[in-house]
C-alpha atoms as a PDB file:
ATOM      1  CA  MET A   1      -5.574   8.684 -12.548  1.00  0.00           C
ATOM      2  CA  ALA A   2      -5.322  10.358 -15.936  1.00  0.00           C
ATOM      3  CA  THR A   3      -1.811  11.290 -17.028  1.00  0.00           C
ATOM      4  CA  THR A   4      -0.697  12.908 -20.270  1.00  0.00           C
ATOM      5  CA  GLU A   5       2.524  11.684 -21.821  1.00  0.00           C
ATOM      6  CA  PRO A   6       5.015  14.596 -21.949  1.00  0.00           C
ATOM      7  CA  PRO A   7       7.135  15.037 -25.067  1.00  0.00           C
ATOM      8  CA  LEU A   8      10.617  13.544 -24.866  1.00  0.00           C
ATOM      9  CA  ASP A   9      13.815  15.250 -25.917  1.00  0.00           C
ATOM     10  CA  PRO A  10      15.410  13.772 -29.074  1.00  0.00           C
ATOM     11  CA  VAL A  11      17.993  11.700 -27.212  1.00  0.00           C
ATOM     12  CA  LEU A  12      15.404  10.018 -24.964  1.00  0.00           C
ATOM     13  CA  ASP A  13      12.992   9.656 -27.858  1.00  0.00           C
ATOM     14  CA  ALA A  14      15.636   7.764 -29.822  1.00  0.00           C
ATOM     15  CA  ALA A  15      16.390   5.574 -26.785  1.00  0.00           C
ATOM     16  CA  VAL A  16      12.700   4.670 -26.490  1.00  0.00           C
ATOM     17  CA  GLU A  17      12.607   3.740 -30.185  1.00  0.00           C
ATOM     18  CA  ARG A  18      15.612   1.439 -29.701  1.00  0.00           C
ATOM     19  CA  ALA A  19      13.904  -0.155 -26.699  1.00  0.00           C
ATOM     20  CA  VAL A  20      10.727  -0.804 -28.702  1.00  0.00           C
ATOM     21  CA  ALA A  21      12.752  -2.329 -31.538  1.00  0.00           C
ATOM     22  CA  ALA A  22      14.581  -4.581 -29.076  1.00  0.00           C
ATOM     23  CA  LEU A  23      11.300  -5.792 -27.556  1.00  0.00           C
ATOM     24  CA  ARG A  24       9.838  -6.515 -30.988  1.00  0.00           C
ATOM     25  CA  GLY A  25      12.960  -8.498 -31.819  1.00  0.00           C
ATOM     26  CA  GLY A  26      12.581 -10.750 -28.772  1.00  0.00           C
ATOM     27  CA  GLY A  27      15.178  -8.873 -26.713  1.00  0.00           C
ATOM     28  CA  LEU A  28      15.447  -7.952 -23.047  1.00  0.00           C
ATOM     29  CA  VAL A  29      15.047  -4.295 -22.097  1.00  0.00           C
ATOM     30  CA  ALA A  30      15.656  -2.929 -18.603  1.00  0.00           C
ATOM     31  CA  PHE A  31      13.412   0.078 -18.099  1.00  0.00           C
ATOM     32  CA  PRO A  32      12.603   2.510 -15.303  1.00  0.00           C
ATOM     33  CA  THR A  33       9.329   2.623 -13.450  1.00  0.00           C
ATOM     34  CA  GLU A  34       8.415   4.861 -10.537  1.00  0.00           C
ATOM     35  CA  THR A  35       8.985   1.894  -8.206  1.00  0.00           C
ATOM     36  CA  VAL A  36      12.114   0.008  -9.355  1.00  0.00           C
ATOM     37  CA  TYR A  37      13.701  -0.876 -12.701  1.00  0.00           C
ATOM     38  CA  GLY A  38      12.089  -3.776 -14.555  1.00  0.00           C
ATOM     39  CA  LEU A  39      13.594  -6.379 -16.875  1.00  0.00           C
ATOM     40  CA  GLY A  40      11.144  -6.503 -19.751  1.00  0.00           C
ATOM     41  CA  ALA A  41      10.325  -8.802 -22.663  1.00  0.00           C
ATOM     42  CA  ASP A  42       7.394  -9.154 -25.046  1.00  0.00           C
ATOM     43  CA  ALA A  43       4.765 -10.815 -22.848  1.00  0.00           C
ATOM     44  CA  SER A  44       3.194 -12.561 -25.856  1.00  0.00           C
ATOM     45  CA  SER A  45       6.451 -14.353 -26.747  1.00  0.00           C
ATOM     46  CA  PRO A  46       7.234 -17.441 -24.642  1.00  0.00           C
ATOM     47  CA  ALA A  47      10.809 -17.510 -25.953  1.00  0.00           C
ATOM     48  CA  ALA A  48      11.422 -13.884 -25.005  1.00  0.00           C
ATOM     49  CA  VAL A  49       9.920 -14.402 -21.549  1.00  0.00           C
ATOM     50  CA  ARG A  50      12.123 -17.441 -20.951  1.00  0.00           C
ATOM     51  CA  ARG A  51      15.147 -15.180 -21.485  1.00  0.00           C
ATOM     52  CA  ILE A  52      14.061 -13.173 -18.403  1.00  0.00           C
ATOM     53  CA  PHE A  53      14.287 -16.242 -16.177  1.00  0.00           C
ATOM     54  CA  ALA A  54      17.675 -17.177 -17.568  1.00  0.00           C
ATOM     55  CA  ALA A  55      19.081 -13.661 -17.088  1.00  0.00           C
ATOM     56  CA  LYS A  56      17.849 -13.390 -13.501  1.00  0.00           C
ATOM     57  CA  GLY A  57      18.494 -16.955 -12.385  1.00  0.00           C
ATOM     58  CA  ARG A  58      14.809 -17.000 -11.463  1.00  0.00           C
ATOM     59  CA  PRO A  59      12.695 -20.191 -11.069  1.00  0.00           C
ATOM     60  CA  PRO A  60      10.330 -20.463 -14.077  1.00  0.00           C
ATOM     61  CA  SER A  61       7.393 -21.331 -11.820  1.00  0.00           C
ATOM     62  CA  HIS A  62       7.284 -17.758 -10.515  1.00  0.00           C
ATOM     63  CA  PRO A  63       4.766 -15.460 -12.224  1.00  0.00           C
ATOM     64  CA  LEU A  64       5.654 -12.094 -13.781  1.00  0.00           C
ATOM     65  CA  ILE A  65       3.796  -8.784 -13.943  1.00  0.00           C
ATOM     66  CA  VAL A  66       2.610  -7.616 -17.364  1.00  0.00           C
ATOM     67  CA  HIS A  67       3.109  -3.875 -17.878  1.00  0.00           C
ATOM     68  CA  LEU A  68       0.679  -2.016 -20.122  1.00  0.00           C
ATOM     69  CA  GLY A  69       0.653   1.454 -21.637  1.00  0.00           C
ATOM     70  CA  ASP A  70      -3.024   2.049 -20.984  1.00  0.00           C
ATOM     71  CA  ALA A  71      -5.820   0.655 -18.816  1.00  0.00           C
ATOM     72  CA  GLY A  72      -7.840   0.047 -21.971  1.00  0.00           C
ATOM     73  CA  LEU A  73      -5.642  -2.996 -22.658  1.00  0.00           C
ATOM     74  CA  VAL A  74      -6.779  -4.833 -19.517  1.00  0.00           C
ATOM     75  CA  ASP A  75      -9.492  -6.736 -21.368  1.00  0.00           C
ATOM     76  CA  THR A  76      -6.901  -8.042 -23.843  1.00  0.00           C
ATOM     77  CA  TRP A  77      -4.920  -9.685 -21.049  1.00  0.00           C
ATOM     78  CA  ALA A  78      -7.626 -10.567 -18.498  1.00  0.00           C
ATOM     79  CA  VAL A  79     -11.166 -11.936 -18.435  1.00  0.00           C
ATOM     80  CA  ASP A  80     -14.063 -11.578 -16.000  1.00  0.00           C
ATOM     81  CA  VAL A  81     -12.650  -8.262 -14.799  1.00  0.00           C
ATOM     82  CA  PRO A  82     -14.618  -7.214 -11.685  1.00  0.00           C
ATOM     83  CA  ARG A  83     -15.947  -3.733 -10.998  1.00  0.00           C
ATOM     84  CA  ASP A  84     -13.472  -3.317  -8.107  1.00  0.00           C
ATOM     85  CA  ALA A  85     -10.574  -3.763 -10.536  1.00  0.00           C
ATOM     86  CA  ARG A  86     -11.923  -1.083 -12.841  1.00  0.00           C
ATOM     87  CA  HIS A  87     -12.409   1.322  -9.926  1.00  0.00           C
ATOM     88  CA  LEU A  88      -8.836   0.783  -8.761  1.00  0.00           C
ATOM     89  CA  ALA A  89      -7.457   1.155 -12.285  1.00  0.00           C
ATOM     90  CA  ASP A  90      -9.381   4.407 -12.782  1.00  0.00           C
ATOM     91  CA  ALA A  91      -8.142   5.813  -9.474  1.00  0.00           C
ATOM     92  CA  CYS A  92      -4.573   4.521  -9.337  1.00  0.00           C
ATOM     93  CA  TRP A  93      -3.250   4.012 -12.890  1.00  0.00           C
ATOM     94  CA  PRO A  94      -0.765   5.040 -14.039  1.00  0.00           C
ATOM     95  CA  GLY A  95       0.747   4.263 -10.642  1.00  0.00           C
ATOM     96  CA  PRO A  96       2.369   1.720  -8.320  1.00  0.00           C
ATOM     97  CA  LEU A  97      -0.516  -0.762  -8.241  1.00  0.00           C
ATOM     98  CA  THR A  98      -0.665  -4.276  -9.733  1.00  0.00           C
ATOM     99  CA  LEU A  99      -4.020  -6.011 -10.180  1.00  0.00           C
ATOM    100  CA  VAL A 100      -4.163  -9.828 -10.176  1.00  0.00           C
ATOM    101  CA  LEU A 101      -6.979 -10.989 -12.454  1.00  0.00           C
ATOM    102  CA  HIS A 102      -8.110 -14.090 -14.322  1.00  0.00           C
ATOM    103  CA  ARG A 103      -5.829 -14.471 -17.329  1.00  0.00           C
ATOM    104  CA  ALA A 104      -6.975 -14.247 -20.927  1.00  0.00           C
ATOM    105  CA  ALA A 105      -6.268 -17.103 -23.328  1.00  0.00           C
ATOM    106  CA  LEU A 106      -3.413 -15.253 -25.059  1.00  0.00           C
ATOM    107  CA  VAL A 107      -1.290 -15.028 -21.876  1.00  0.00           C
ATOM    108  CA  PRO A 108       1.525 -17.608 -22.084  1.00  0.00           C
ATOM    109  CA  ASP A 109       2.144 -20.030 -19.232  1.00  0.00           C
ATOM    110  CA  GLU A 110       5.685 -18.618 -19.061  1.00  0.00           C
ATOM    111  CA  VAL A 111       4.239 -15.322 -17.783  1.00  0.00           C
ATOM    112  CA  THR A 112       1.954 -16.816 -15.150  1.00  0.00           C
ATOM    113  CA  GLY A 113       4.031 -19.787 -14.006  1.00  0.00           C
ATOM    114  CA  GLY A 114       1.139 -21.968 -15.167  1.00  0.00           C
ATOM    115  CA  ARG A 115      -1.390 -20.202 -12.933  1.00  0.00           C
ATOM    116  CA  GLU A 116      -4.803 -19.080 -14.166  1.00  0.00           C
ATOM    117  CA  THR A 117      -4.192 -15.516 -13.008  1.00  0.00           C
ATOM    118  CA  VAL A 118      -2.078 -12.653 -14.328  1.00  0.00           C
ATOM    119  CA  GLY A 119      -0.767  -9.467 -12.699  1.00  0.00           C
ATOM    120  CA  LEU A 120      -1.283  -6.250 -14.682  1.00  0.00           C
ATOM    121  CA  ARG A 121      -0.029  -2.712 -14.108  1.00  0.00           C
ATOM    122  CA  VAL A 122       0.308   0.660 -15.857  1.00  0.00           C
ATOM    123  CA  PRO A 123       3.437   2.372 -14.479  1.00  0.00           C
ATOM    124  CA  ALA A 124       3.677   6.127 -13.818  1.00  0.00           C
ATOM    125  CA  GLN A 125       7.037   6.861 -15.427  1.00  0.00           C
ATOM    126  CA  PRO A 126       7.357   8.919 -18.641  1.00  0.00           C
ATOM    127  CA  LEU A 127       9.942   6.736 -20.402  1.00  0.00           C
ATOM    128  CA  ALA A 128       8.174   3.527 -19.420  1.00  0.00           C
ATOM    129  CA  LEU A 129       4.830   4.836 -20.657  1.00  0.00           C
ATOM    130  CA  ALA A 130       6.344   6.064 -23.925  1.00  0.00           C
ATOM    131  CA  MET A 131       7.966   2.660 -24.504  1.00  0.00           C
ATOM    132  CA  LEU A 132       4.836   0.701 -23.605  1.00  0.00           C
ATOM    133  CA  ARG A 133       2.502   2.832 -25.707  1.00  0.00           C
ATOM    134  CA  ARG A 134       4.742   2.677 -28.766  1.00  0.00           C
ATOM    135  CA  PHE A 135       5.250  -1.052 -28.318  1.00  0.00           C
ATOM    136  CA  GLY A 136       1.500  -1.475 -28.132  1.00  0.00           C
ATOM    137  CA  GLY A 137       1.445  -4.821 -26.333  1.00  0.00           C
ATOM    138  CA  GLY A 138       2.243  -6.141 -22.884  1.00  0.00           C
ATOM    139  CA  VAL A 139       5.750  -6.218 -21.444  1.00  0.00           C
ATOM    140  CA  ALA A 140       6.382  -8.931 -18.855  1.00  0.00           C
ATOM    141  CA  ALA A 141       8.865  -7.708 -16.277  1.00  0.00           C
ATOM    142  CA  PRO A 142      10.192  -8.664 -12.875  1.00  0.00           C
ATOM    143  CA  SER A 143      12.700  -6.356 -11.194  1.00  0.00           C
ATOM    144  CA  ALA A 144      15.966  -6.032 -13.127  1.00  0.00           C
ATOM    145  CA  ASN A 145      18.294  -7.763 -10.667  1.00  0.00           C
ATOM    146  CA  ARG A 146      19.500 -11.247  -9.898  1.00  0.00           C
ATOM    147  CA  PHE A 147      16.696 -13.248  -8.323  1.00  0.00           C
ATOM    148  CA  GLY A 148      16.162 -12.654  -4.609  1.00  0.00           C
ATOM    149  CA  ARG A 149      18.637  -9.777  -4.357  1.00  0.00           C
ATOM    150  CA  VAL A 150      18.160  -6.052  -3.771  1.00  0.00           C
ATOM    151  CA  SER A 151      15.944  -4.420  -6.393  1.00  0.00           C
ATOM    152  CA  PRO A 152      17.575  -1.795  -8.653  1.00  0.00           C
ATOM    153  CA  THR A 153      16.530   1.854  -8.478  1.00  0.00           C
ATOM    154  CA  THR A 154      19.074   3.227 -11.003  1.00  0.00           C
ATOM    155  CA  ALA A 155      20.334   2.136 -14.407  1.00  0.00           C
ATOM    156  CA  ALA A 156      23.792   1.669 -12.863  1.00  0.00           C
ATOM    157  CA  ASP A 157      22.311  -0.898 -10.441  1.00  0.00           C
ATOM    158  CA  VAL A 158      20.931  -2.859 -13.397  1.00  0.00           C
ATOM    159  CA  ALA A 159      24.240  -2.817 -15.233  1.00  0.00           C
ATOM    160  CA  ALA A 160      26.081  -3.974 -12.101  1.00  0.00           C
ATOM    161  CA  ASP A 161      23.693  -6.896 -11.557  1.00  0.00           C
ATOM    162  CA  LEU A 162      22.913  -8.119 -15.062  1.00  0.00           C
ATOM    163  CA  GLY A 163      25.541  -6.622 -17.377  1.00  0.00           C
ATOM    164  CA  PRO A 164      25.537  -8.151 -20.876  1.00  0.00           C
ATOM    165  CA  ALA A 165      22.492 -10.334 -20.143  1.00  0.00           C
ATOM    166  CA  VAL A 166      20.379  -7.260 -20.997  1.00  0.00           C
ATOM    167  CA  ASP A 167      20.135  -6.099 -24.609  1.00  0.00           C
ATOM    168  CA  LEU A 168      19.346  -2.474 -23.716  1.00  0.00           C
ATOM    169  CA  ILE A 169      19.034  -0.406 -20.530  1.00  0.00           C
ATOM    170  CA  LEU A 170      16.665   2.569 -20.770  1.00  0.00           C
ATOM    171  CA  ASP A 171      18.016   5.109 -18.270  1.00  0.00           C
ATOM    172  CA  GLY A 172      15.296   7.174 -16.609  1.00  0.00           C
ATOM    173  CA  GLY A 173      17.295   8.284 -13.588  1.00  0.00           C
ATOM    174  CA  PRO A 174      16.561   7.247  -9.984  1.00  0.00           C
ATOM    175  CA  CYS A 175      13.141   5.769  -9.228  1.00  0.00           C
ATOM    176  CA  THR A 176      10.848   8.179  -7.402  1.00  0.00           C
ATOM    177  CA  VAL A 177       8.940   5.700  -5.171  1.00  0.00           C
ATOM    178  CA  GLY A 178      11.711   3.177  -4.539  1.00  0.00           C
ATOM    179  CA  VAL A 179       9.743   0.107  -3.420  1.00  0.00           C
ATOM    180  CA  GLU A 180       7.706  -2.179  -5.640  1.00  0.00           C
ATOM    181  CA  SER A 181       4.038  -1.810  -6.499  1.00  0.00           C
ATOM    182  CA  THR A 182       1.212  -2.851  -4.215  1.00  0.00           C
ATOM    183  CA  ILE A 183      -0.298  -6.105  -5.514  1.00  0.00           C
ATOM    184  CA  VAL A 184      -4.031  -6.735  -5.058  1.00  0.00           C
ATOM    185  CA  ASP A 185      -5.690 -10.045  -5.907  1.00  0.00           C
ATOM    186  CA  LEU A 186      -9.184  -9.416  -7.316  1.00  0.00           C
ATOM    187  CA  THR A 187     -10.027 -12.976  -8.348  1.00  0.00           C
ATOM    188  CA  GLY A 188     -11.959 -13.816  -5.176  1.00  0.00           C
ATOM    189  CA  PRO A 189     -14.876 -12.297  -3.252  1.00  0.00           C
ATOM    190  CA  THR A 190     -12.636 -10.019  -1.173  1.00  0.00           C
ATOM    191  CA  PRO A 191      -9.846  -7.841  -2.605  1.00  0.00           C
ATOM    192  CA  THR A 192      -6.632  -9.129  -1.011  1.00  0.00           C
ATOM    193  CA  VAL A 193      -3.269  -7.386  -0.786  1.00  0.00           C
ATOM    194  CA  LEU A 194      -0.590  -9.925  -1.687  1.00  0.00           C
ATOM    195  CA  ARG A 195       2.293  -7.447  -1.377  1.00  0.00           C
ATOM    196  CA  PRO A 196       2.276  -3.996   0.260  1.00  0.00           C
ATOM    197  CA  GLY A 197       3.888  -1.346  -1.903  1.00  0.00           C
ATOM    198  CA  GLY A 198       3.699   2.141  -3.301  1.00  0.00           C
ATOM    199  CA  ILE A 199      -0.041   2.601  -2.654  1.00  0.00           C
ATOM    200  CA  PRO A 200      -1.081   2.170   1.010  1.00  0.00           C
ATOM    201  CA  VAL A 201      -3.901  -0.146   2.016  1.00  0.00           C
ATOM    202  CA  ASP A 202      -6.024   2.718   3.357  1.00  0.00           C
ATOM    203  CA  ALA A 203      -5.909   4.390  -0.071  1.00  0.00           C
ATOM    204  CA  LEU A 204      -7.241   1.188  -1.674  1.00  0.00           C
ATOM    205  CA  GLU A 205     -10.011   0.976   0.897  1.00  0.00           C
ATOM    206  CA  ALA A 206     -10.951   4.604   0.265  1.00  0.00           C
ATOM    207  CA  VAL A 207     -11.372   3.855  -3.445  1.00  0.00           C
ATOM    208  CA  LEU A 208     -13.382   0.671  -2.907  1.00  0.00           C
ATOM    209  CA  GLY A 209     -15.400   1.899   0.055  1.00  0.00           C
ATOM    210  CA  ARG A 210     -14.777  -1.299   2.008  1.00  0.00           C
ATOM    211  CA  PRO A 211     -11.963  -3.145   3.776  1.00  0.00           C
ATOM    212  CA  VAL A 212      -9.419  -5.192   1.873  1.00  0.00           C
ATOM    213  CA  ALA A 213      -7.807  -8.337   3.237  1.00  0.00           C
ATOM    214  CA  LEU A 214      -4.092  -8.963   3.730  1.00  0.00           C
ATOM    215  CA  ALA A 215      -2.585 -12.211   2.461  1.00  0.00           C
ATOM    216  CA  ALA A 216      -1.412 -14.518   5.205  1.00  0.00           C
ATOM    217  CA  GLY A 217       1.277 -16.303   3.195  1.00  0.00           C
ATOM    218  CA  GLY A 218       1.149 -19.674   1.508  1.00  0.00           C
ATOM    219  CA  GLU A 219       1.688 -20.339  -2.182  1.00  0.00           C
ATOM    220  CA  SER A 220       3.091 -17.369  -4.040  1.00  0.00           C
ATOM    221  CA  ARG A 221       0.521 -15.706  -6.272  1.00  0.00           C
ATOM    222  CA  ALA A 222       2.428 -12.513  -6.976  1.00  0.00           C
ATOM    223  CA  PRO A 223       5.893 -10.939  -6.860  1.00  0.00           C
ATOM    224  CA  GLY A 224       7.548 -10.305  -3.529  1.00  0.00           C
ATOM    225  CA  MET A 225       5.832 -13.002  -1.439  1.00  0.00           C
ATOM    226  CA  LEU A 226       8.920 -15.045  -0.565  1.00  0.00           C
ATOM    227  CA  PRO A 227       9.730 -15.031   3.159  1.00  0.00           C
ATOM    228  CA  SER A 228      13.353 -14.201   2.291  1.00  0.00           C
ATOM    229  CA  HIS A 229      13.874 -11.610  -0.415  1.00  0.00           C
ATOM    230  CA  TYR A 230      15.242  -8.132  -1.225  1.00  0.00           C
ATOM    231  CA  ALA A 231      18.450  -9.096   0.588  1.00  0.00           C
ATOM    232  CA  PRO A 232      21.912  -7.520   0.394  1.00  0.00           C
ATOM    233  CA  ALA A 233      25.041  -9.610   0.898  1.00  0.00           C
ATOM    234  CA  ALA A 234      25.161  -8.301   4.480  1.00  0.00           C
ATOM    235  CA  ARG A 235      22.942  -9.815   7.151  1.00  0.00           C
ATOM    236  CA  VAL A 236      20.085  -7.472   8.087  1.00  0.00           C
ATOM    237  CA  GLU A 237      18.898  -7.079  11.689  1.00  0.00           C
ATOM    238  CA  LEU A 238      15.840  -5.057  12.710  1.00  0.00           C
ATOM    239  CA  VAL A 239      16.376  -3.125  15.946  1.00  0.00           C
ATOM    240  CA  ALA A 240      14.312  -0.538  17.828  1.00  0.00           C
ATOM    241  CA  ALA A 241      15.823   2.952  17.880  1.00  0.00           C
ATOM    242  CA  ALA A 242      16.400   2.814  21.648  1.00  0.00           C
ATOM    243  CA  ASP A 243      18.459  -0.388  21.305  1.00  0.00           C
ATOM    244  CA  VAL A 244      20.654   0.549  18.340  1.00  0.00           C
ATOM    245  CA  ALA A 245      23.744   1.761  20.227  1.00  0.00           C
ATOM    246  CA  ALA A 246      23.889  -1.321  22.454  1.00  0.00           C
ATOM    247  CA  ARG A 247      23.348  -3.757  19.591  1.00  0.00           C
ATOM    248  CA  VAL A 248      25.910  -2.060  17.348  1.00  0.00           C
ATOM    249  CA  THR A 249      28.460  -2.065  20.172  1.00  0.00           C
ATOM    250  CA  ALA A 250      27.936  -5.789  20.744  1.00  0.00           C
ATOM    251  CA  LEU A 251      28.310  -6.557  17.036  1.00  0.00           C
ATOM    252  CA  LEU A 252      31.491  -4.462  16.767  1.00  0.00           C
ATOM    253  CA  GLU A 253      32.973  -6.210  19.800  1.00  0.00           C
ATOM    254  CA  ALA A 254      32.223  -9.527  18.087  1.00  0.00           C
ATOM    255  CA  GLY A 255      34.312  -8.424  15.112  1.00  0.00           C
ATOM    256  CA  HIS A 256      31.549  -7.412  12.677  1.00  0.00           C
ATOM    257  CA  HIS A 257      31.645  -4.495  10.251  1.00  0.00           C
ATOM    258  CA  VAL A 258      28.330  -2.754  10.931  1.00  0.00           C
ATOM    259  CA  ALA A 259      26.252  -0.256   8.939  1.00  0.00           C
ATOM    260  CA  VAL A 260      23.199   1.468  10.422  1.00  0.00           C
ATOM    261  CA  LEU A 261      20.066   2.424   8.488  1.00  0.00           C
ATOM    262  CA  SER A 262      17.454   4.687  10.097  1.00  0.00           C
ATOM    263  CA  GLU A 263      15.169   7.657   9.522  1.00  0.00           C
ATOM    264  CA  ALA A 264      17.193   9.956  11.796  1.00  0.00           C
ATOM    265  CA  ALA A 265      20.841  10.201  12.780  1.00  0.00           C
ATOM    266  CA  VAL A 266      21.793   7.847  15.628  1.00  0.00           C
ATOM    267  CA  ALA A 267      24.695   8.233  18.091  1.00  0.00           C
ATOM    268  CA  LEU A 268      27.080   5.391  17.246  1.00  0.00           C
ATOM    269  CA  PRO A 269      30.544   4.114  18.103  1.00  0.00           C
ATOM    270  CA  PRO A 270      33.103   5.663  15.724  1.00  0.00           C
ATOM    271  CA  THR A 271      33.881   2.397  13.922  1.00  0.00           C
ATOM    272  CA  ALA A 272      30.258   1.854  12.841  1.00  0.00           C
ATOM    273  CA  VAL A 273      29.125   3.099   9.427  1.00  0.00           C
ATOM    274  CA  ALA A 274      26.146   5.457   9.658  1.00  0.00           C
ATOM    275  CA  LEU A 275      24.346   5.322   6.316  1.00  0.00           C
ATOM    276  CA  PRO A 276      22.803   8.695   5.385  1.00  0.00           C
ATOM    277  CA  PRO A 277      19.565   9.306   7.379  1.00  0.00           C
ATOM    278  CA  VAL A 278      16.505   8.794   5.176  1.00  0.00           C
ATOM    279  CA  GLY A 279      14.100  11.260   6.849  1.00  0.00           C
ATOM    280  CA  ASP A 280      10.458  10.212   6.721  1.00  0.00           C
ATOM    281  CA  ALA A 281       8.806   7.004   5.488  1.00  0.00           C
ATOM    282  CA  GLU A 282       8.684   8.245   1.884  1.00  0.00           C
ATOM    283  CA  GLY A 283      12.404   9.013   2.040  1.00  0.00           C
ATOM    284  CA  TYR A 284      13.027   5.579   3.559  1.00  0.00           C
ATOM    285  CA  ALA A 285      11.233   3.950   0.619  1.00  0.00           C
ATOM    286  CA  ARG A 286      13.198   5.947  -1.975  1.00  0.00           C
ATOM    287  CA  ALA A 287      16.546   5.274  -0.287  1.00  0.00           C
ATOM    288  CA  LEU A 288      16.072   1.719   1.008  1.00  0.00           C
ATOM    289  CA  TYR A 289      17.562  -0.321  -1.819  1.00  0.00           C
ATOM    290  CA  ALA A 290      20.278   2.216  -2.637  1.00  0.00           C
ATOM    291  CA  HIS A 291      21.373   2.205   1.015  1.00  0.00           C
ATOM    292  CA  LEU A 292      21.423  -1.601   1.207  1.00  0.00           C
ATOM    293  CA  ARG A 293      23.597  -1.660  -1.900  1.00  0.00           C
ATOM    294  CA  LEU A 294      25.840   1.027  -0.382  1.00  0.00           C
ATOM    295  CA  ALA A 295      26.291  -1.082   2.766  1.00  0.00           C
ATOM    296  CA  ASP A 296      27.531  -3.950   0.591  1.00  0.00           C
ATOM    297  CA  ARG A 297      29.948  -1.677  -1.261  1.00  0.00           C
ATOM    298  CA  LEU A 298      31.311  -0.397   2.062  1.00  0.00           C
ATOM    299  CA  GLY A 299      32.005  -3.960   3.152  1.00  0.00           C
ATOM    300  CA  ALA A 300      29.466  -4.197   5.961  1.00  0.00           C
ATOM    301  CA  ASP A 301      28.601  -7.738   6.993  1.00  0.00           C
ATOM    302  CA  VAL A 302      25.679  -6.644   9.192  1.00  0.00           C
ATOM    303  CA  VAL A 303      23.120  -3.888   8.544  1.00  0.00           C
ATOM    304  CA  VAL A 304      21.279  -2.756  11.670  1.00  0.00           C
ATOM    305  CA  ALA A 305      18.015  -1.218  10.457  1.00  0.00           C
ATOM    306  CA  VAL A 306      15.528   0.820  12.477  1.00  0.00           C
ATOM    307  CA  PRO A 307      12.133   0.264  10.795  1.00  0.00           C
ATOM    308  CA  PRO A 308       9.750   3.194  10.242  1.00  0.00           C
ATOM    309  CA  ALA A 309       6.233   3.273  11.648  1.00  0.00           C
ATOM    310  CA  GLU A 310       4.194   0.628   9.838  1.00  0.00           C
ATOM    311  CA  VAL A 311       1.636   3.016   8.344  1.00  0.00           C
ATOM    312  CA  GLY A 312       1.240   4.308   4.790  1.00  0.00           C
ATOM    313  CA  ILE A 313       4.236   3.450   2.644  1.00  0.00           C
ATOM    314  CA  GLY A 314       6.057   2.613   5.879  1.00  0.00           C
ATOM    315  CA  ALA A 315       4.199  -0.718   5.783  1.00  0.00           C
ATOM    316  CA  ALA A 316       5.895  -1.554   2.479  1.00  0.00           C
ATOM    317  CA  VAL A 317       9.305  -0.542   3.869  1.00  0.00           C
ATOM    318  CA  CYS A 318       8.796  -2.753   6.930  1.00  0.00           C
ATOM    319  CA  ASP A 319       7.734  -5.654   4.690  1.00  0.00           C
ATOM    320  CA  ARG A 320      10.940  -5.335   2.639  1.00  0.00           C
ATOM    321  CA  LEU A 321      13.118  -5.030   5.742  1.00  0.00           C
ATOM    322  CA  ARG A 322      11.567  -8.141   7.307  1.00  0.00           C
ATOM    323  CA  LYS A 323      12.164 -10.126   4.125  1.00  0.00           C
ATOM    324  CA  ALA A 324      15.729  -8.833   3.845  1.00  0.00           C
ATOM    325  CA  ALA A 325      16.281  -9.938   7.453  1.00  0.00           C
ATOM    326  CA  ALA A 326      14.706 -13.394   7.046  1.00  0.00           C
ATOM    327  CA  PRO A 327      16.944 -16.497   6.997  1.00  0.00           C
ATOM    328  CA  ARG A 328      18.304 -16.984   3.486  1.00  0.00           C
ATOM    329  CA  ASP A 329      17.059 -20.576   3.348  1.00  0.00           C
ATOM    330  CA  ALA A 330      13.482 -19.671   4.361  1.00  0.00           C
ATOM    331  CA  PRO A 331      11.004 -21.686   2.278  1.00  0.00           C
ATOM    332  CA  GLY A 332       8.568 -19.998  -0.052  1.00  0.00           C
ATOM    333  CA  ASP A 333       7.514 -19.418  -3.625  1.00  0.00           C
ATOM    334  CA  GLU A 334       7.253 -15.923  -4.972  1.00  0.00           C
ATOM    335  CA  PRO A 335       6.788 -14.018  -8.179  1.00  0.00           C
ATOM    336  CA  GLU A 336       8.407 -10.639  -8.440  1.00  0.00           C
ATOM    337  CA  GLY A 337       8.066  -7.425 -10.400  1.00  0.00           C
ATOM    338  CA  PRO A 338       8.109  -3.672 -10.229  1.00  0.00           C
END
């Protein structure tokens, strides 16, 4: 997916230069992608990458995604790259797709959590691409939030979560996709989706001309595979549209402060908080994390969410809602990234 890099106005251009200087100095830079904001460090510097884990409170065994400015850098960071990976990169990059490949020798263990694979992606966001291309190397980045919490889709979200732990926040406005990238493992005989995201499974199959598999759980090989993740402070419950009014009424009678998240407006008791309707599945994806954060700010202790149809990007939304609703002590091991 060829994309030209548009010129930046002087203020943004100067901000990108500061971000590149911070990365070269071993600093942490929060930057926008089309999916969510990432917390980036020089992927070739183990010391810089370790700062990511400290800032997020993230277990160091969890792998990170390496962000690149151009698909031509894949062979610097990966080896034995299969034809399927090149087809997907040609069709989907820049874009919300991460490819898991066999790591090259230069990739530090800190990036991969000691695994022999590495996740690579070229994001489709003008400021991110400008930063990555000027930096020239790989930028390791999970999402720019405290580990396991709601991913940030604005610079203000990053500042609220991480504050002075970040050396620089590159503000690119709200993210346009709103849920993380699709992650595809291409190290085995069958391409396998480890995490649904911004590119639907049927789009991947159309590019490859064959079915792809869906990961069934187990050891985390990529970001977003924990059973419990993407969670607000409020408890999240998934409820069918026809059952919302009854469930909300029961929760209110039990003394809960309830917020409701759905595609369309729902008739509710007056003491419930109706979060703004999100419209279609694409709108749900863009609004999901912002609405979960809003529910926390409004003091809700339960979010009743009506999932969208589990097709297209709706599958990624349903995945995030299920993980937000999972018990907070659910076992699992996951890497995470935009």
